[in-house]
C-alpha atoms as a PDB file:
ATOM      1  CA  MET A   1       0.000   0.000   0.000  1.00  0.00           C
ATOM      2  CA  PRO A   2      -0.798   2.530  -1.197  1.00  0.00           C
ATOM      3  CA  THR A   3      -2.308   1.066  -4.345  1.00  0.00           C
ATOM      4  CA  GLU A   4      -4.803   2.272  -6.930  1.00  0.00           C
ATOM      5  CA  THR A   5      -7.803   0.347  -8.222  1.00  0.00           C
ATOM      6  CA  TYR A   6     -11.146   0.867  -9.912  1.00  0.00           C
ATOM      7  CA  VAL A   7     -14.327   0.526  -7.866  1.00  0.00           C
ATOM      8  CA  ARG A   8     -16.417  -2.413  -9.111  1.00  0.00           C
ATOM      9  CA  GLY A   9     -20.205  -2.831  -9.187  1.00  0.00           C
ATOM     10  CA  ILE A  10     -21.167   0.804  -9.720  1.00  0.00           C
ATOM     11  CA  ALA A  11     -23.780  -0.204 -12.322  1.00  0.00           C
ATOM     12  CA  TYR A  12     -25.930  -2.031  -9.761  1.00  0.00           C
ATOM     13  CA  GLU A  13     -28.705  -0.813  -7.465  1.00  0.00           C
ATOM     14  CA  ASN A  14     -28.603   2.982  -6.924  1.00  0.00           C
ATOM     15  CA  ARG A  15     -24.816   3.237  -7.082  1.00  0.00           C
ATOM     16  CA  VAL A  16     -24.757   5.304 -10.299  1.00  0.00           C
ATOM     17  CA  ILE A  17     -26.622   7.989  -8.343  1.00  0.00           C
ATOM     18  CA  VAL A  18     -24.029   7.779  -5.565  1.00  0.00           C
ATOM     19  CA  ALA A  19     -21.246   7.939  -8.182  1.00  0.00           C
ATOM     20  CA  SER A  20     -22.759  11.082  -9.730  1.00  0.00           C
ATOM     21  CA  SER A  21     -21.844  13.019  -6.575  1.00  0.00           C
ATOM     22  CA  ALA A  22     -18.249  11.760  -6.519  1.00  0.00           C
ATOM     23  CA  ARG A  23     -15.412  14.245  -6.899  1.00  0.00           C
ATOM     24  CA  VAL A  24     -11.670  13.743  -7.280  1.00  0.00           C
ATOM     25  CA  GLY A  25     -10.008  14.190  -3.900  1.00  0.00           C
ATOM     26  CA  GLN A  26     -12.955  12.948  -1.836  1.00  0.00           C
ATOM     27  CA  SER A  27     -12.309  10.354   0.840  1.00  0.00           C
ATOM     28  CA  VAL A  28     -14.000   6.972   0.717  1.00  0.00           C
ATOM     29  CA  ASP A  29     -14.408   4.453   3.500  1.00  0.00           C
ATOM     30  CA  LEU A  30     -13.638   0.778   3.050  1.00  0.00           C
ATOM     31  CA  VAL A  31     -15.847  -1.534   5.095  1.00  0.00           C
ATOM     32  CA  ARG A  32     -15.925  -5.318   5.272  1.00  0.00           C
ATOM     33  CA  ASP A  33     -19.183  -6.747   3.921  1.00  0.00           C
ATOM     34  CA  TYR A  34     -19.495  -9.947   5.932  1.00  0.00           C
ATOM     35  CA  ASP A  35     -23.024 -10.626   4.640  1.00  0.00           C
ATOM     36  CA  ASN A  36     -22.073 -10.611   0.950  1.00  0.00           C
ATOM     37  CA  PRO A  37     -23.352 -13.916  -0.507  1.00  0.00           C
ATOM     38  CA  VAL A  38     -21.086 -13.726  -3.574  1.00  0.00           C
ATOM     39  CA  ASP A  39     -17.706 -13.037  -1.955  1.00  0.00           C
ATOM     40  CA  HIS A  40     -16.828 -13.823   1.671  1.00  0.00           C
ATOM     41  CA  ASN A  41     -13.878 -11.369   1.408  1.00  0.00           C
ATOM     42  CA  ALA A  42     -16.009  -8.518   0.040  1.00  0.00           C
ATOM     43  CA  VAL A  43     -14.971  -4.970   0.911  1.00  0.00           C
ATOM     44  CA  SER A  44     -17.514  -2.198   0.263  1.00  0.00           C
ATOM     45  CA  VAL A  45     -16.441   1.244  -0.891  1.00  0.00           C
ATOM     46  CA  LEU A  46     -18.593   3.909   0.775  1.00  0.00           C
ATOM     47  CA  LEU A  47     -18.925   7.527  -0.323  1.00  0.00           C
ATOM     48  CA  ASN A  48     -20.613   9.764   2.246  1.00  0.00           C
ATOM     49  CA  GLY A  49     -21.954   6.667   3.997  1.00  0.00           C
ATOM     50  CA  GLN A  50     -23.548   5.209   0.850  1.00  0.00           C
ATOM     51  CA  THR A  51     -22.330   2.184  -1.087  1.00  0.00           C
ATOM     52  CA  LEU A  52     -20.451   3.245  -4.202  1.00  0.00           C
ATOM     53  CA  GLY A  53     -19.285  -0.274  -5.057  1.00  0.00           C
ATOM     54  CA  PHE A  54     -16.707  -2.836  -4.024  1.00  0.00           C
ATOM     55  CA  LEU A  55     -13.017  -3.557  -4.262  1.00  0.00           C
ATOM     56  CA  GLU A  56     -12.229  -6.033  -7.013  1.00  0.00           C
ATOM     57  CA  ARG A  57     -12.208  -9.597  -5.752  1.00  0.00           C
ATOM     58  CA  ASP A  58      -8.435 -10.230  -5.998  1.00  0.00           C
ATOM     59  CA  LEU A  59      -7.608  -7.094  -4.033  1.00  0.00           C
ATOM     60  CA  ALA A  60     -10.343  -7.724  -1.455  1.00  0.00           C
ATOM     61  CA  GLN A  61      -8.859 -11.168  -0.844  1.00  0.00           C
ATOM     62  CA  LEU A  62      -5.601  -9.488   0.176  1.00  0.00           C
ATOM     63  CA  VAL A  63      -7.105  -6.576   2.146  1.00  0.00           C
ATOM     64  CA  ALA A  64      -9.915  -8.381   4.018  1.00  0.00           C
ATOM     65  CA  PRO A  65      -7.690 -10.364   6.425  1.00  0.00           C
ATOM     66  CA  ASP A  66      -5.866  -7.180   7.458  1.00  0.00           C
ATOM     67  CA  MET A  67      -9.176  -5.422   8.043  1.00  0.00           C
ATOM     68  CA  ASP A  68     -10.408  -8.412  10.044  1.00  0.00           C
ATOM     69  CA  CYS A  69      -7.358  -7.977  12.297  1.00  0.00           C
ATOM     70  CA  GLY A  70      -8.259  -4.351  12.963  1.00  0.00           C
ATOM     71  CA  LEU A  71      -6.216  -2.465  10.365  1.00  0.00           C
ATOM     72  CA  SER A  72      -8.009   0.728   9.295  1.00  0.00           C
ATOM     73  CA  ILE A  73      -7.930   1.103   5.525  1.00  0.00           C
ATOM     74  CA  GLY A  74      -9.466   3.947   3.540  1.00  0.00           C
ATOM     75  CA  GLY A  75      -9.083   5.677   0.242  1.00  0.00           C
ATOM     76  CA  THR A  76      -9.252   8.770  -1.897  1.00  0.00           C
ATOM     77  CA  ILE A  77     -10.853   9.209  -5.309  1.00  0.00           C
ATOM     78  CA  VAL A  78      -8.092   9.912  -7.832  1.00  0.00           C
ATOM     79  CA  TYR A  79      -9.887   9.598 -11.192  1.00  0.00           C
ATOM     80  CA  ILE A  80     -13.445   9.711 -12.542  1.00  0.00           C
ATOM     81  CA  ASP A  81     -14.616   8.885 -16.069  1.00  0.00           C
ATOM     82  CA  ARG A  82     -18.146  10.325 -16.324  1.00  0.00           C
ATOM     83  CA  ALA A  83     -19.529   7.679 -18.696  1.00  0.00           C
ATOM     84  CA  LYS A  84     -23.114   6.334 -18.528  1.00  0.00           C
ATOM     85  CA  VAL A  85     -21.753   4.056 -15.809  1.00  0.00           C
ATOM     86  CA  PRO A  86     -18.965   6.101 -14.200  1.00  0.00           C
ATOM     87  CA  GLN A  87     -15.543   4.553 -13.793  1.00  0.00           C
ATOM     88  CA  ILE A  88     -13.986   5.621 -10.510  1.00  0.00           C
ATOM     89  CA  LYS A  89     -10.413   4.918  -9.441  1.00  0.00           C
ATOM     90  CA  ILE A  90      -9.363   5.159  -5.811  1.00  0.00           C
ATOM     91  CA  ARG A  91      -6.022   5.161  -4.010  1.00  0.00           C
ATOM     92  CA  ILE A  92      -6.135   2.800  -1.024  1.00  0.00           C
ATOM     93  CA  ILE A  93      -4.154   3.750   2.049  1.00  0.00           C
ATOM     94  CA  VAL A  94      -3.665   2.503   5.592  1.00  0.00           C
ATOM     95  CA  ARG A  95      -5.167   4.992   8.016  1.00  0.00           C
ATOM     96  CA  GLU A  96      -3.524   5.731  11.313  1.00  0.00           C
END
């Protein structure tokens, strides 16, 4: 860390609406999603307390165990492509 990655799953539910308010430089919270039926290592990306999407599966597999041990991990939006379904890249950092 730090590392950069695109947020996945923005096209689902109301996340495009959440993404429409995203701005470069905003902080995002990363939260373990223990109830996710698709991926037991899922890590949600929250913008202003609302789900923006998820970390990609391979990265979540690496980050989830650290989060489970109490490491605080967050991020910052570094890039936005304002397509029909926005593409948002975040920089993941360990918070102190």
